[in-house]
């Protein structure tokens, strides 16, 4: 195990986090918030000091394999969450450190679950940092580091595998660092486009920036207690819904579109399934809620937004889903597990992984009926490699084991079984809201310290897709 290289990688990631803390200081100065120097200056100095200590001496052996890549990423996410919580504590806006940690982990993992009972009381600088953690965590802090550094290609691929979501990670171009730059350019461009569109639709600039950061990371933190519903604007709702839908698409497809390789986009089975599920769920839920909203237009308007917000794991809200019927709420919960596309900023198990698991099950049924039949699992018309199939199946098994264990641990709390199940579901799939007291109008403040720590672990497990965190805290192979 190359521990020195792991520390070096952590130092580079923490440097980015420390520098990013300077942005809220500028915003605080603009809005006349005198506390920003201590609130963000102290954590920034601590982070940069740790980064300097970790990187002042470059390791002689700079080799990185799967183990080093996974552990360095997991350790960095834990470290930046622990440090990122300090501004909330120092400012006194979330004085309890565990609550601040929960909010920060929820931010970086783009979950959007909150312990805040009155988010509108936060200062502008802390509000920006809260939303900016979504934007940083959406594409991944490590991806940003890879985008600005020239690294050995083998080393970067091992690290990309640890942070990128989906059953398989590939490069857009020959160098992984160039791939990271391309992805970040696309990410920044769509974020800026959303800010411009929201401002055109008469959303204040500060509000537009906050919601664009949250949309880009498919996180869901808003600066209003009633989220997007605050604006009561169909135009803004449709615009935000379309953008979060776009952020839930595999970013590789945008690169193909830029190269005018439209056939690769149209033939993408995951994209077609993703859009089909959204259309189908919107239709089914919309029809079931016509009586609730009194008109077809209103029902489908609310439904389309909430379906996009749920399947992409964003967590924005335009209505109280706690008032929906059982069918509509159940379908939303199922969408939480499906999630967005691989290679996007969305959460969940990913559409491609679900497709592989379903197709593998169908193949096994064919073997049972006809043992001599030759059946292969295909995606986009091409056979899926055995390693990818095995990985998807193993991921599902581990996911369900951790899911069941987390629900059991939360049972020591005072919440109902329904609420415990929905809490683990929303945190492991990085959604943001659940059922009962955790619906779109609720929050997680009433959970015990122990339960909040379990849910923090679940959020990190969901964002890093299990293996990095398991390797960090579990039994590791000796080298």
Protein backbone atom coordinates (compact mmCIF):
# COMPACT_ATOMS: atom_id res chain seq x y z
CA UNK A 1 0.00 0.00 0.00
CA UNK A 2 1.45 3.37 -1.05
CA UNK A 3 0.31 5.40 1.97
CA UNK A 4 2.50 8.36 1.08
CA UNK A 5 0.76 8.72 -2.28
CA UNK A 6 -2.65 8.45 -0.62
CA UNK A 7 -1.77 11.36 1.67
CA UNK A 8 -0.41 13.34 -1.30
CA UNK A 9 -3.67 12.90 -3.24
CA UNK A 10 -5.69 13.92 -0.16
CA UNK A 11 -3.58 17.06 0.12
CA UNK A 12 -4.35 18.05 -3.46
CA UNK A 13 -8.08 17.55 -2.95
CA UNK A 14 -8.12 19.49 0.34
CA UNK A 15 -6.28 22.38 -1.34
CA UNK A 16 -9.19 22.76 -3.76
CA UNK A 17 -11.71 22.68 -0.89
CA UNK A 18 -9.70 25.28 1.04
CA UNK A 19 -9.52 27.65 -1.92
CA UNK A 20 -13.23 27.22 -2.59
CA UNK A 21 -13.95 28.54 0.91
CA UNK A 22 -12.72 31.93 -0.27
CA UNK A 23 -15.79 32.33 -2.51
CA UNK A 24 -18.27 32.68 0.40
CA UNK A 25 -15.95 35.29 1.94
CA UNK A 26 -16.32 37.46 -1.17
CA UNK A 27 -20.10 37.01 -1.11
CA UNK A 28 -20.18 37.86 2.61
CA UNK A 29 -18.25 41.09 1.98
CA UNK A 30 -20.69 42.04 -0.76
CA UNK A 31 -23.68 41.56 1.54
CA UNK A 32 -21.96 43.22 4.51
CA UNK A 33 -21.65 40.10 6.67
CA UNK A 34 -18.82 40.82 9.09
CA UNK A 35 -18.56 37.27 10.43
CA UNK A 36 -17.27 35.78 7.16
CA UNK A 37 -13.58 36.27 8.03
CA UNK A 38 -13.76 34.00 11.04
CA UNK A 39 -16.50 31.77 9.64
CA UNK A 40 -14.64 30.82 6.46
CA UNK A 41 -11.14 32.21 6.99
CA UNK A 42 -10.30 29.88 9.88
CA UNK A 43 -11.49 26.65 8.15
CA UNK A 44 -9.80 27.75 4.91
CA UNK A 45 -6.46 28.29 6.69
CA UNK A 46 -6.78 24.95 8.49
CA UNK A 47 -7.56 23.15 5.24
CA UNK A 48 -4.74 24.84 3.29
CA UNK A 49 -2.28 24.15 6.14
CA UNK A 50 -3.18 20.46 6.12
CA UNK A 51 -2.92 20.44 2.33
CA UNK A 52 0.55 22.02 2.46
CA UNK A 53 1.72 19.49 5.06
CA UNK A 54 0.42 16.63 2.90
CA UNK A 55 1.94 17.86 -0.38
CA UNK A 56 5.10 19.75 0.62
CA UNK A 57 7.16 16.70 -0.25
CA UNK A 58 6.27 14.70 -3.31
CA UNK A 59 6.43 10.93 -2.78
CA UNK A 60 9.22 9.12 -4.59
CA UNK A 61 6.93 6.23 -5.43
CA UNK A 62 3.94 7.78 -7.23
CA UNK A 63 2.29 4.56 -8.32
CA UNK A 64 -1.45 4.31 -7.71
CA UNK A 65 -3.44 1.12 -8.07
CA UNK A 66 -7.09 0.36 -7.37
CA UNK A 67 -6.61 0.15 -3.60
CA UNK A 68 -4.77 3.47 -3.33
CA UNK A 69 -7.26 5.16 -5.65
CA UNK A 70 -10.30 3.98 -3.72
CA UNK A 71 -8.90 4.71 -0.27
CA UNK A 72 -7.56 8.15 -1.17
CA UNK A 73 -10.93 9.18 -2.58
CA UNK A 74 -12.91 7.83 0.40
CA UNK A 75 -10.54 9.40 2.95
CA UNK A 76 -10.67 12.73 1.12
CA UNK A 77 -14.47 12.80 1.11
CA UNK A 78 -14.57 12.07 4.85
CA UNK A 79 -11.94 14.75 5.53
CA UNK A 80 -13.51 17.46 3.41
CA UNK A 81 -16.93 16.76 4.97
CA UNK A 82 -15.46 17.04 8.48
CA UNK A 83 -13.72 20.34 7.64
CA UNK A 84 -16.55 21.67 5.47
CA UNK A 85 -18.88 21.56 8.47
CA UNK A 86 -16.76 24.05 10.45
CA UNK A 87 -18.17 27.26 8.87
CA UNK A 88 -21.68 26.34 10.02
CA UNK A 89 -20.44 25.74 13.58
CA UNK A 90 -18.19 28.81 13.79
CA UNK A 91 -20.94 31.09 12.46
CA UNK A 92 -23.37 29.66 15.01
CA UNK A 93 -25.95 28.97 12.32
CA UNK A 94 -25.69 25.22 13.00
CA UNK A 95 -23.98 25.20 16.43
CA UNK A 96 -24.20 21.43 16.90
CA UNK A 97 -21.25 19.83 15.06
CA UNK A 98 -23.06 16.56 14.27
CA UNK A 99 -25.91 18.53 12.70
CA UNK A 100 -23.39 20.60 10.75
CA UNK A 101 -21.62 17.43 9.64
CA UNK A 102 -24.92 15.91 8.47
CA UNK A 103 -25.71 19.07 6.48
CA UNK A 104 -22.24 19.11 4.92
CA UNK A 105 -22.18 15.42 4.03
CA UNK A 106 -25.63 15.89 2.54
CA UNK A 107 -24.20 18.79 0.54
CA UNK A 108 -21.06 17.15 -0.83
CA UNK A 109 -22.86 13.89 -1.61
CA UNK A 110 -25.60 15.93 -3.34
CA UNK A 111 -28.26 14.28 -1.19
CA UNK A 112 -30.07 17.44 -0.11
CA UNK A 113 -31.47 16.05 3.14
CA UNK A 114 -31.41 18.73 5.80
CA UNK A 115 -31.64 19.24 9.54
CA UNK A 116 -32.56 22.93 9.03
CA UNK A 117 -36.03 23.89 10.26
CA UNK A 118 -35.75 27.45 8.93
CA UNK A 119 -33.25 27.67 6.10
CA UNK A 120 -34.33 31.22 5.27
CA UNK A 121 -32.60 32.43 8.43
CA UNK A 122 -29.12 31.55 7.16
CA UNK A 123 -26.64 34.21 6.13
CA UNK A 124 -25.95 34.73 2.43
CA UNK A 125 -22.38 33.45 2.70
CA UNK A 126 -23.33 30.23 4.52
CA UNK A 127 -26.23 29.73 2.13
CA UNK A 128 -23.83 29.95 -0.80
CA UNK A 129 -21.36 27.51 0.78
CA UNK A 130 -24.24 25.11 1.49
CA UNK A 131 -25.29 25.12 -2.18
CA UNK A 132 -21.72 25.20 -3.49
CA UNK A 133 -20.97 21.90 -1.75
CA UNK A 134 -23.58 20.42 -4.12
CA UNK A 135 -21.76 21.82 -7.14
CA UNK A 136 -18.36 20.57 -5.92
CA UNK A 137 -19.68 17.14 -5.04
CA UNK A 138 -21.76 16.78 -8.18
CA UNK A 139 -18.95 16.15 -10.63
CA UNK A 140 -16.52 15.36 -7.83
CA UNK A 141 -13.68 17.33 -6.24
CA UNK A 142 -11.18 14.75 -7.41
CA UNK A 143 -12.40 15.16 -10.98
CA UNK A 144 -11.61 18.86 -10.66
CA UNK A 145 -8.11 18.04 -9.42
CA UNK A 146 -7.61 15.69 -12.37
CA UNK A 147 -8.85 18.39 -14.73
CA UNK A 148 -6.15 20.85 -13.67
CA UNK A 149 -3.20 18.51 -13.14
CA UNK A 150 -1.04 16.53 -15.52
CA UNK A 151 -0.98 13.01 -14.19
CA UNK A 152 0.02 9.54 -15.15
CA UNK A 153 -2.93 8.15 -17.07
CA UNK A 154 -3.02 4.82 -15.24
CA UNK A 155 -3.04 6.65 -11.90
CA UNK A 156 -5.93 8.93 -12.87
CA UNK A 157 -8.04 6.07 -14.16
CA UNK A 158 -7.85 4.26 -10.81
CA UNK A 159 -8.95 7.47 -9.06
CA UNK A 160 -11.74 8.19 -11.57
CA UNK A 161 -13.12 4.70 -10.99
CA UNK A 162 -13.45 5.51 -7.29
CA UNK A 163 -15.40 8.75 -7.73
CA UNK A 164 -17.35 8.35 -10.98
CA UNK A 165 -20.83 6.89 -10.73
CA UNK A 166 -21.93 3.91 -12.77
CA UNK A 167 -21.10 0.30 -13.54
CA UNK A 168 -18.16 1.19 -15.79
CA UNK A 169 -15.80 4.16 -16.26
CA UNK A 170 -14.27 4.97 -19.61
CA UNK A 171 -12.29 7.80 -21.13
CA UNK A 172 -13.60 10.24 -23.72
CA UNK A 173 -10.13 10.81 -25.15
CA UNK A 174 -6.76 9.09 -24.85
CA UNK A 175 -5.77 10.90 -21.63
CA UNK A 176 -7.88 10.71 -18.46
CA UNK A 177 -6.90 14.26 -17.43
CA UNK A 178 -8.24 15.57 -20.75
CA UNK A 179 -11.45 13.60 -20.21
CA UNK A 180 -11.87 15.28 -16.82
CA UNK A 181 -11.37 18.71 -18.42
CA UNK A 182 -13.94 18.02 -21.12
CA UNK A 183 -16.48 16.86 -18.53
CA UNK A 184 -15.90 19.93 -16.35
CA UNK A 185 -16.21 22.31 -19.29
CA UNK A 186 -19.59 20.75 -20.10
CA UNK A 187 -20.57 20.88 -16.41
CA UNK A 188 -19.67 24.57 -16.07
CA UNK A 189 -21.32 25.48 -19.37
CA UNK A 190 -24.69 23.92 -18.45
CA UNK A 191 -24.52 25.51 -14.98
CA UNK A 192 -23.93 28.97 -16.47
CA UNK A 193 -26.70 28.40 -19.00
CA UNK A 194 -29.15 27.61 -16.21
CA UNK A 195 -28.17 30.76 -14.31
CA UNK A 196 -28.81 32.84 -17.46
CA UNK A 197 -32.16 31.17 -18.15
CA UNK A 198 -33.38 31.63 -14.56
CA UNK A 199 -32.37 35.30 -14.56
CA UNK A 200 -34.25 35.79 -17.85
CA UNK A 201 -37.28 34.24 -16.14
CA UNK A 202 -36.95 36.97 -13.48
CA UNK A 203 -35.39 34.97 -10.70
CA UNK A 204 -32.94 37.19 -8.70
CA UNK A 205 -29.29 36.57 -9.64
CA UNK A 206 -28.30 35.28 -6.18
CA UNK A 207 -31.27 32.90 -6.16
CA UNK A 208 -30.41 31.74 -9.67
CA UNK A 209 -26.82 30.95 -8.66
CA UNK A 210 -27.95 28.99 -5.59
CA UNK A 211 -30.48 26.93 -7.53
CA UNK A 212 -28.12 26.39 -10.48
CA UNK A 213 -25.44 25.02 -8.10
CA UNK A 214 -28.02 22.71 -6.54
CA UNK A 215 -29.40 21.65 -9.92
CA UNK A 216 -25.96 20.94 -11.36
CA UNK A 217 -25.08 18.62 -8.50
CA UNK A 218 -28.66 17.26 -8.46
CA UNK A 219 -28.64 18.09 -4.77
CA UNK A 220 -31.74 20.09 -3.88
CA UNK A 221 -30.65 22.71 -1.33
CA UNK A 222 -32.73 25.85 -1.80
CA UNK A 223 -32.70 29.18 -0.01
CA UNK A 224 -36.44 28.90 0.71
CA UNK A 225 -38.24 26.57 3.08
CA UNK A 226 -40.78 25.73 0.36
CA UNK A 227 -38.06 25.21 -2.28
CA UNK A 228 -38.96 26.03 -5.92
CA UNK A 229 -42.64 26.33 -4.97
CA UNK A 230 -41.71 29.70 -3.43
CA UNK A 231 -41.68 31.36 -6.86
CA UNK A 232 -45.10 30.00 -7.92
CA UNK A 233 -43.91 30.26 -11.52
CA UNK A 234 -44.68 27.52 -14.06
CA UNK A 235 -41.90 28.85 -16.32
CA UNK A 236 -39.26 28.58 -13.58
CA UNK A 237 -40.50 25.13 -12.57
CA UNK A 238 -40.32 23.82 -16.14
CA UNK A 239 -36.88 25.37 -16.68
CA UNK A 240 -35.47 23.85 -13.47
CA UNK A 241 -37.08 20.47 -14.26
CA UNK A 242 -35.49 20.42 -17.73
CA UNK A 243 -32.06 21.33 -16.37
CA UNK A 244 -32.07 18.71 -13.62
CA UNK A 245 -33.20 16.22 -16.25
CA UNK A 246 -30.19 17.26 -18.38
CA UNK A 247 -27.80 16.90 -15.44
CA UNK A 248 -29.15 13.37 -14.99
CA UNK A 249 -27.90 12.38 -18.47
CA UNK A 250 -24.51 10.73 -19.04
CA UNK A 251 -22.13 13.63 -19.74
CA UNK A 252 -20.31 11.56 -22.35
CA UNK A 253 -23.36 11.98 -24.58
CA UNK A 254 -22.95 15.76 -24.57
CA UNK A 255 -19.40 15.30 -25.79
CA UNK A 256 -20.66 13.07 -28.60
CA UNK A 257 -23.22 15.73 -29.49
CA UNK A 258 -20.48 18.35 -29.66
CA UNK A 259 -18.62 16.08 -32.10
CA UNK A 260 -21.90 15.69 -34.07
CA UNK A 261 -21.95 11.95 -33.41
CA UNK A 262 -25.71 12.01 -32.93
CA UNK A 263 -26.15 8.35 -33.83
CA UNK A 264 -24.27 7.37 -30.64
CA UNK A 265 -26.71 9.48 -28.64
CA UNK A 266 -29.88 8.18 -30.29
CA UNK A 267 -28.74 4.57 -29.98
CA UNK A 268 -27.95 4.88 -26.27
CA UNK A 269 -30.25 2.41 -24.53
CA UNK A 270 -29.77 3.91 -21.09
CA UNK A 271 -30.87 7.37 -22.29
CA UNK A 272 -33.96 5.98 -24.00
CA UNK A 273 -34.89 4.02 -20.88
CA UNK A 274 -34.25 7.04 -18.64
CA UNK A 275 -36.54 9.28 -20.70
CA UNK A 276 -39.10 6.48 -21.05
CA UNK A 277 -39.27 5.94 -17.29
CA UNK A 278 -39.75 9.68 -16.72
CA UNK A 279 -42.53 9.83 -19.30
CA UNK A 280 -44.24 6.69 -17.97
CA UNK A 281 -44.04 7.72 -14.30
CA UNK A 282 -45.28 11.24 -15.10
CA UNK A 283 -48.24 9.80 -16.98
CA UNK A 284 -49.22 7.30 -14.30
CA UNK A 285 -48.81 9.64 -11.33
CA UNK A 286 -50.33 12.58 -13.20
CA UNK A 287 -53.50 10.62 -14.00
CA UNK A 288 -53.80 9.41 -10.40
CA UNK A 289 -53.57 12.98 -9.05
CA UNK A 290 -56.01 14.76 -11.37
CA UNK A 291 -58.68 14.63 -8.69
CA UNK A 292 -56.25 15.94 -6.06
CA UNK A 293 -55.25 19.04 -8.06
CA UNK A 294 -58.56 19.61 -9.81
CA UNK A 295 -57.18 19.93 -13.33
CA UNK A 296 -55.10 17.85 -15.76
CA UNK A 297 -52.66 20.70 -16.46
CA UNK A 298 -51.94 21.36 -12.79
CA UNK A 299 -51.58 17.66 -12.01
CA UNK A 300 -49.11 17.00 -14.80
CA UNK A 301 -47.18 20.20 -14.06
CA UNK A 302 -46.59 19.17 -10.44
CA UNK A 303 -45.99 15.53 -11.33
CA UNK A 304 -43.44 16.18 -14.08
CA UNK A 305 -41.34 18.33 -11.77
CA UNK A 306 -41.41 15.89 -8.86
CA UNK A 307 -40.66 12.89 -11.10
CA UNK A 308 -37.63 14.69 -12.59
CA UNK A 309 -36.54 15.82 -9.12
CA UNK A 310 -36.84 12.29 -7.72
CA UNK A 311 -35.29 10.16 -10.47
CA UNK A 312 -32.32 12.55 -10.79
CA UNK A 313 -32.01 12.57 -6.96
CA UNK A 314 -32.23 16.38 -6.90
CA UNK A 315 -34.85 16.78 -4.19
CA UNK A 316 -36.32 20.16 -5.19
CA UNK A 317 -40.05 20.42 -4.50
CA UNK A 318 -43.03 22.31 -5.85
CA UNK A 319 -45.66 20.51 -3.79
CA UNK A 320 -46.07 18.53 -0.58
CA UNK A 321 -45.78 14.88 -1.66
CA UNK A 322 -47.02 13.84 1.78
CA UNK A 323 -50.51 14.75 0.55
CA UNK A 324 -50.26 12.45 -2.50
CA UNK A 325 -52.03 9.09 -2.64
CA UNK A 326 -50.24 5.83 -1.81
CA UNK A 327 -49.77 4.86 -5.47
CA UNK A 328 -48.03 8.14 -6.32
CA UNK A 329 -45.78 8.02 -3.23
CA UNK A 330 -44.86 4.38 -3.86
CA UNK A 331 -43.90 5.09 -7.45
CA UNK A 332 -41.70 7.98 -6.28
CA UNK A 333 -39.92 5.63 -3.86
CA UNK A 334 -39.26 3.16 -6.69
CA UNK A 335 -37.83 6.00 -8.81
CA UNK A 336 -35.43 6.76 -5.95
CA UNK A 337 -33.84 3.34 -6.41
CA UNK A 338 -33.65 3.61 -10.21
CA UNK A 339 -31.85 6.93 -10.24
CA UNK A 340 -30.33 8.77 -13.19
CA UNK A 341 -27.85 7.72 -15.88
CA UNK A 342 -24.33 6.49 -15.21
CA UNK A 343 -21.76 9.23 -15.77
CA UNK A 344 -24.19 11.94 -14.61
CA UNK A 345 -24.36 13.88 -11.36
CA UNK A 346 -27.54 12.02 -10.38
CA UNK A 347 -27.85 9.42 -7.64
CA UNK A 348 -29.65 6.12 -7.27
CA UNK A 349 -28.49 2.74 -8.55
CA UNK A 350 -28.27 4.13 -12.12
CA UNK A 351 -30.45 3.17 -15.06
CA UNK A 352 -27.68 1.22 -16.81
CA UNK A 353 -27.02 -0.92 -13.75
CA UNK A 354 -30.73 -1.67 -13.37
CA UNK A 355 -30.89 -2.63 -17.06
CA UNK A 356 -27.94 -4.98 -16.70
CA UNK A 357 -29.42 -6.65 -13.61
CA UNK A 358 -32.82 -7.10 -15.28
CA UNK A 359 -31.29 -8.45 -18.49
CA UNK A 360 -29.09 -10.82 -16.48
CA UNK A 361 -32.19 -12.13 -14.72
CA UNK A 362 -33.95 -12.68 -18.06
CA UNK A 363 -30.89 -14.51 -19.38
CA UNK A 364 -30.90 -16.82 -16.37
CA UNK A 365 -34.58 -17.59 -16.92
CA UNK A 366 -33.77 -18.55 -20.51
CA UNK A 367 -31.07 -20.91 -19.25
CA UNK A 368 -33.57 -22.56 -16.90
CA UNK A 369 -36.08 -23.08 -19.71
CA UNK A 370 -33.48 -24.07 -22.30
CA UNK A 371 -30.06 -24.97 -20.81
CA UNK A 372 -28.46 -25.26 -24.25
CA UNK A 373 -29.54 -21.80 -25.38
CA UNK A 374 -26.83 -19.22 -25.97
CA UNK A 375 -27.97 -15.92 -24.47
CA UNK A 376 -25.86 -12.82 -23.93
CA UNK A 377 -26.55 -9.59 -22.07
CA UNK A 378 -26.35 -6.67 -24.50
CA UNK A 379 -26.36 -2.89 -24.10
CA UNK A 380 -26.60 -0.64 -27.17
CA UNK A 381 -26.45 -3.77 -29.30
CA UNK A 382 -23.08 -4.85 -27.89
CA UNK A 383 -22.36 -7.72 -25.45
CA UNK A 384 -21.70 -6.57 -21.91
CA UNK A 385 -18.41 -7.80 -20.44
CA UNK A 386 -18.66 -10.46 -17.74
CA UNK A 387 -16.78 -8.23 -15.26
CA UNK A 388 -19.41 -5.50 -15.68
CA UNK A 389 -22.26 -7.99 -15.18
CA UNK A 390 -20.61 -9.44 -12.09
CA UNK A 391 -19.92 -5.94 -10.77
CA UNK A 392 -23.54 -4.86 -11.18
CA UNK A 393 -24.81 -7.98 -9.40
CA UNK A 394 -22.29 -7.65 -6.57
CA UNK A 395 -23.13 -3.96 -6.17
CA UNK A 396 -26.83 -4.77 -5.83
CA UNK A 397 -26.13 -7.45 -3.20
CA UNK A 398 -23.88 -5.15 -1.14
CA UNK A 399 -26.34 -2.28 -1.53
CA UNK A 400 -29.21 -4.34 -0.12
CA UNK A 401 -27.09 -5.71 2.75
CA UNK A 402 -26.05 -2.20 3.82
CA UNK A 403 -29.59 -0.96 3.24
CA UNK A 404 -31.10 -3.62 5.53
CA UNK A 405 -28.43 -3.08 8.19
CA UNK A 406 -29.01 0.69 8.18
CA UNK A 407 -32.77 0.29 8.57
CA UNK A 408 -32.13 -2.04 11.51
CA UNK A 409 -29.77 0.48 13.17
CA UNK A 410 -32.30 3.28 12.74
CA UNK A 411 -34.95 1.17 14.45
CA UNK A 412 -33.44 2.18 17.82
CA UNK A 413 -34.78 5.68 17.15
CA UNK A 414 -38.35 6.89 17.67
CA UNK A 415 -39.37 7.09 14.02
CA UNK A 416 -41.84 4.69 12.38
CA UNK A 417 -40.71 1.76 10.20
CA UNK A 418 -41.98 3.65 7.14
CA UNK A 419 -39.92 6.71 8.05
CA UNK A 420 -36.80 4.68 8.84
CA UNK A 421 -37.02 2.85 5.51
CA UNK A 422 -37.56 6.08 3.60
CA UNK A 423 -34.68 7.80 5.48
CA UNK A 424 -32.22 5.09 4.44
CA UNK A 425 -33.69 5.02 0.92
CA UNK A 426 -33.32 8.75 0.43
CA UNK A 427 -29.81 8.90 1.93
CA UNK A 428 -28.33 5.88 0.16
CA UNK A 429 -29.80 7.05 -3.15
CA UNK A 430 -28.86 10.69 -2.46
CA UNK A 431 -32.43 11.96 -2.95
CA UNK A 432 -33.17 14.39 -0.12
CA UNK A 433 -36.76 13.76 0.97
CA UNK A 434 -38.67 10.74 2.17
CA UNK A 435 -42.04 9.85 3.66
CA UNK A 436 -43.93 10.88 6.79
CA UNK A 437 -42.00 13.47 8.80
CA UNK A 438 -39.28 13.35 6.13
CA UNK A 439 -41.41 14.39 3.15
CA UNK A 440 -40.77 17.54 1.10
CA UNK A 441 -42.01 19.75 3.95
CA UNK A 442 -40.07 17.92 6.69
CA UNK A 443 -36.45 17.48 7.80
CA UNK A 444 -34.07 15.12 9.64
CA UNK A 445 -33.48 17.24 12.76
CA UNK A 446 -35.34 14.89 15.12
CA UNK A 447 -33.09 11.89 14.49
CA UNK A 448 -30.62 10.99 17.24
CA UNK A 449 -26.88 11.59 16.93
CA UNK A 450 -26.30 7.90 16.28
CA UNK A 451 -28.93 7.78 13.52
CA UNK A 452 -27.51 10.90 11.88
CA UNK A 453 -24.05 9.32 11.78
CA UNK A 454 -25.51 6.16 10.24
CA UNK A 455 -27.26 8.28 7.61
CA UNK A 456 -24.03 10.23 6.95
CA UNK A 457 -22.35 6.89 6.23
CA UNK A 458 -25.26 5.94 3.96
CA UNK A 459 -24.97 9.19 2.01
CA UNK A 460 -21.24 8.65 1.45
CA UNK A 461 -21.87 5.01 0.53
CA UNK A 462 -24.43 6.11 -2.05
CA UNK A 463 -22.29 8.85 -3.59
CA UNK A 464 -19.07 6.84 -3.75
CA UNK A 465 -20.94 3.65 -4.66
CA UNK A 466 -19.96 1.46 -1.70
CA UNK A 467 -16.48 0.12 -2.52
CA UNK A 468 -14.24 3.11 -1.60
CA UNK A 469 -15.81 3.50 1.84
CA UNK A 470 -15.87 -0.24 2.51
CA UNK A 471 -12.16 -0.45 1.66
CA UNK A 472 -11.41 2.55 3.89
CA UNK A 473 -13.17 1.21 6.99
CA UNK A 474 -13.19 -2.52 6.26
CA UNK A 475 -10.58 -5.25 6.01
CA UNK A 476 -8.01 -4.48 3.32
CA UNK A 477 -5.75 -6.78 1.46
CA UNK A 478 -2.10 -6.60 2.53
CA UNK A 479 0.45 -5.63 -0.10
